[in-house]
Amino acid sequence: MIDLADYLPQFTPEEYFAWEEQQFERHEYIDGKVYAMSGGTIDHGNIAGNFLALLKAHLRGSGCRTLNSDCRVSIVGAAQYVYPDISVTCEDRDKTTTQYITYPCLIVEVLSPDTEAYDRGQKFKMYRRNPCLQEYVLVSVDGMEIELFR
């Protein structure tokens, strides 16, 4: 993540949504500040795509939605919007939203050297605010390692 706070004014959530629609890159929103998301590698995209395909097939017909890294997750009780690699929501409250979901039950992050500390630390702390989150999965891009937090 790249801090753009020195270059951009603070945004309200509404200003952030309008501004980001005009951008080529994705940006996370944390308490009025925007942070550019770093680009992924082919391995990162391949791992995330494989997980997404497996989850979609497994959950087909369940009423749950499996979403890729283009879907924002709103952090419960905070002005924060982040992009996990994969999220799954089974909540009726998320079925009518168009810009983000709020109540994922599963989040998967594919770790990269640039984001691993953030995914394990601050981002995981934000995700834990969600009362519906049941599982948080961290997948290594450098080796055959998966961590599951329940």
Protein backbone atom coordinates (compact mmCIF):
# COMPACT_ATOMS: atom_id res chain seq x y z
CA MET A 1 0.00 0.00 0.00
CA ILE A 2 1.18 3.46 -0.85
CA ASP A 3 0.13 6.34 1.41
CA LEU A 4 -1.29 9.15 -0.73
CA ALA A 5 -2.21 11.34 2.25
CA ASP A 6 0.58 13.81 1.44
CA TYR A 7 -0.82 14.31 -2.07
CA LEU A 8 -4.58 14.21 -1.60
CA PRO A 9 -7.04 15.91 0.74
CA GLN A 10 -8.97 13.89 3.30
CA PHE A 11 -12.15 12.44 1.82
CA THR A 12 -15.55 11.64 3.22
CA PRO A 13 -16.66 8.12 2.29
CA GLU A 14 -18.97 9.56 -0.38
CA GLU A 15 -16.14 11.65 -1.87
CA TYR A 16 -13.88 8.59 -1.83
CA PHE A 17 -16.40 6.46 -3.75
CA ALA A 18 -16.90 9.18 -6.38
CA TRP A 19 -13.16 9.83 -6.67
CA GLU A 20 -12.21 6.16 -6.92
CA GLU A 21 -14.66 5.54 -9.76
CA GLN A 22 -12.44 7.85 -11.84
CA GLN A 23 -9.17 6.06 -10.97
CA PHE A 24 -7.37 3.29 -12.85
CA GLU A 25 -5.98 1.72 -9.66
CA ARG A 26 -7.82 0.58 -6.56
CA HIS A 27 -7.41 2.43 -3.27
CA GLU A 28 -8.24 1.46 0.27
CA TYR A 29 -9.87 4.10 2.48
CA ILE A 30 -8.85 4.36 6.12
CA ASP A 31 -10.30 7.18 8.23
CA GLY A 32 -10.39 9.75 5.43
CA LYS A 33 -7.06 8.81 3.84
CA VAL A 34 -6.59 6.79 0.67
CA TYR A 35 -3.89 4.23 0.05
CA ALA A 36 -3.02 2.89 -3.40
CA MET A 37 -3.06 -0.88 -3.69
CA SER A 38 0.12 -2.36 -5.06
CA GLY A 39 -0.05 -4.47 -8.19
CA GLY A 40 0.00 -8.23 -7.87
CA THR A 41 2.20 -10.84 -9.49
CA ILE A 42 1.11 -13.61 -11.81
CA ASP A 43 1.56 -16.14 -8.98
CA HIS A 44 -0.56 -13.97 -6.66
CA GLY A 45 -3.34 -13.71 -9.25
CA ASN A 46 -3.18 -17.41 -10.06
CA ILE A 47 -3.44 -18.45 -6.39
CA ALA A 48 -6.33 -16.06 -5.74
CA GLY A 49 -8.09 -17.23 -8.92
CA ASN A 50 -7.76 -20.89 -7.92
CA PHE A 51 -9.18 -20.20 -4.45
CA LEU A 52 -12.03 -18.18 -5.95
CA ALA A 53 -12.94 -20.97 -8.38
CA LEU A 54 -12.90 -23.61 -5.63
CA LEU A 55 -15.03 -21.51 -3.28
CA LYS A 56 -17.54 -20.59 -6.00
CA ALA A 57 -17.98 -24.24 -6.95
CA HIS A 58 -18.29 -25.33 -3.32
CA LEU A 59 -20.83 -22.63 -2.42
CA ARG A 60 -22.95 -22.79 -5.60
CA GLY A 61 -26.63 -22.87 -4.68
CA SER A 62 -25.99 -21.92 -1.04
CA GLY A 63 -27.17 -18.31 -1.32
CA CYS A 64 -23.69 -17.06 -0.45
CA ARG A 65 -21.72 -14.71 -2.70
CA THR A 66 -18.06 -15.32 -3.44
CA LEU A 67 -16.31 -12.11 -4.44
CA ASN A 68 -12.89 -11.30 -5.87
CA SER A 69 -10.47 -8.48 -5.11
CA ASP A 70 -12.63 -5.94 -6.95
CA CYS A 71 -15.12 -5.97 -4.07
CA ARG A 72 -14.58 -3.67 -1.11
CA VAL A 73 -15.30 -4.69 2.44
CA SER A 74 -16.56 -2.05 4.84
CA ILE A 75 -15.11 -2.34 8.32
CA VAL A 76 -17.91 -2.49 10.88
CA GLY A 77 -18.22 0.68 12.95
CA ALA A 78 -15.45 2.57 11.15
CA ALA A 79 -14.90 4.74 8.09
CA GLN A 80 -12.70 2.10 6.48
CA TYR A 81 -13.01 0.25 3.18
CA VAL A 82 -10.49 -2.37 2.12
CA TYR A 83 -10.00 -4.85 -0.69
CA PRO A 84 -9.39 -8.45 0.35
CA ASP A 85 -8.27 -10.91 -2.32
CA ILE A 86 -11.42 -13.00 -1.77
CA SER A 87 -14.46 -12.53 0.42
CA VAL A 88 -17.58 -14.60 0.99
CA THR A 89 -20.81 -13.21 2.38
CA CYS A 90 -23.98 -15.11 3.21
CA GLU A 91 -25.70 -12.11 4.82
CA ASP A 92 -28.98 -10.77 3.49
CA ARG A 93 -27.78 -7.28 4.49
CA ASP A 94 -25.02 -7.54 1.87
CA LYS A 95 -27.31 -8.64 -0.97
CA THR A 96 -28.60 -5.15 -1.74
CA THR A 97 -25.31 -3.24 -1.59
CA THR A 98 -23.49 -2.21 -4.75
CA GLN A 99 -20.25 -0.54 -3.62
CA TYR A 100 -19.13 -2.82 -0.79
CA ILE A 101 -20.12 -5.62 1.54
CA THR A 102 -19.98 -5.31 5.31
CA TYR A 103 -20.54 -8.79 6.72
CA PRO A 104 -18.24 -11.36 5.10
CA CYS A 105 -18.00 -14.70 6.86
CA LEU A 106 -14.75 -15.65 5.10
CA ILE A 107 -11.83 -13.53 3.93
CA VAL A 108 -8.79 -14.81 2.05
CA GLU A 109 -5.60 -12.80 1.63
CA VAL A 110 -2.78 -14.00 -0.62
CA LEU A 111 0.38 -12.74 1.01
CA SER A 112 3.04 -10.83 -0.86
CA PRO A 113 6.27 -9.36 0.49
CA ASP A 114 4.82 -5.84 0.18
CA THR A 115 1.56 -6.55 2.03
CA GLU A 116 2.26 -9.45 4.41
CA ALA A 117 2.85 -7.32 7.52
CA TYR A 118 -0.30 -5.27 6.80
CA ASP A 119 -2.43 -8.37 6.10
CA ARG A 120 -1.25 -10.03 9.33
CA GLY A 121 -1.40 -6.89 11.44
CA GLN A 122 -3.56 -3.81 10.89
CA LYS A 123 -5.83 -5.35 8.25
CA PHE A 124 -6.48 -8.47 10.34
CA LYS A 125 -7.24 -6.23 13.34
CA MET A 126 -9.79 -4.31 11.25
CA TYR A 127 -11.41 -7.51 9.96
CA ARG A 128 -11.84 -8.84 13.50
CA ARG A 129 -14.33 -6.01 14.21
CA ASN A 130 -16.82 -7.90 12.04
CA PRO A 131 -19.15 -10.07 14.18
CA CYS A 132 -19.96 -12.27 11.14
CA LEU A 133 -16.37 -13.14 10.23
CA GLN A 134 -15.82 -16.83 10.91
CA GLU A 135 -12.58 -17.55 9.06
CA TYR A 136 -9.56 -15.55 7.90
CA VAL A 137 -7.17 -17.35 5.57
CA LEU A 138 -3.63 -16.28 4.74
CA VAL A 139 -2.02 -17.97 1.75
CA SER A 140 1.70 -17.78 1.07
CA VAL A 141 2.80 -16.91 -2.44
CA ASP A 142 6.38 -18.02 -1.69
CA GLY A 143 5.70 -21.58 -0.54
CA MET A 144 3.06 -24.19 0.16
CA GLU A 145 1.65 -22.64 3.33
CA ILE A 146 -1.88 -21.72 4.36
CA GLU A 147 -2.89 -20.32 7.74
CA LEU A 148 -6.49 -20.45 8.95
CA PHE A 149 -7.76 -18.26 11.79
CA ARG A 150 -11.20 -18.95 13.24
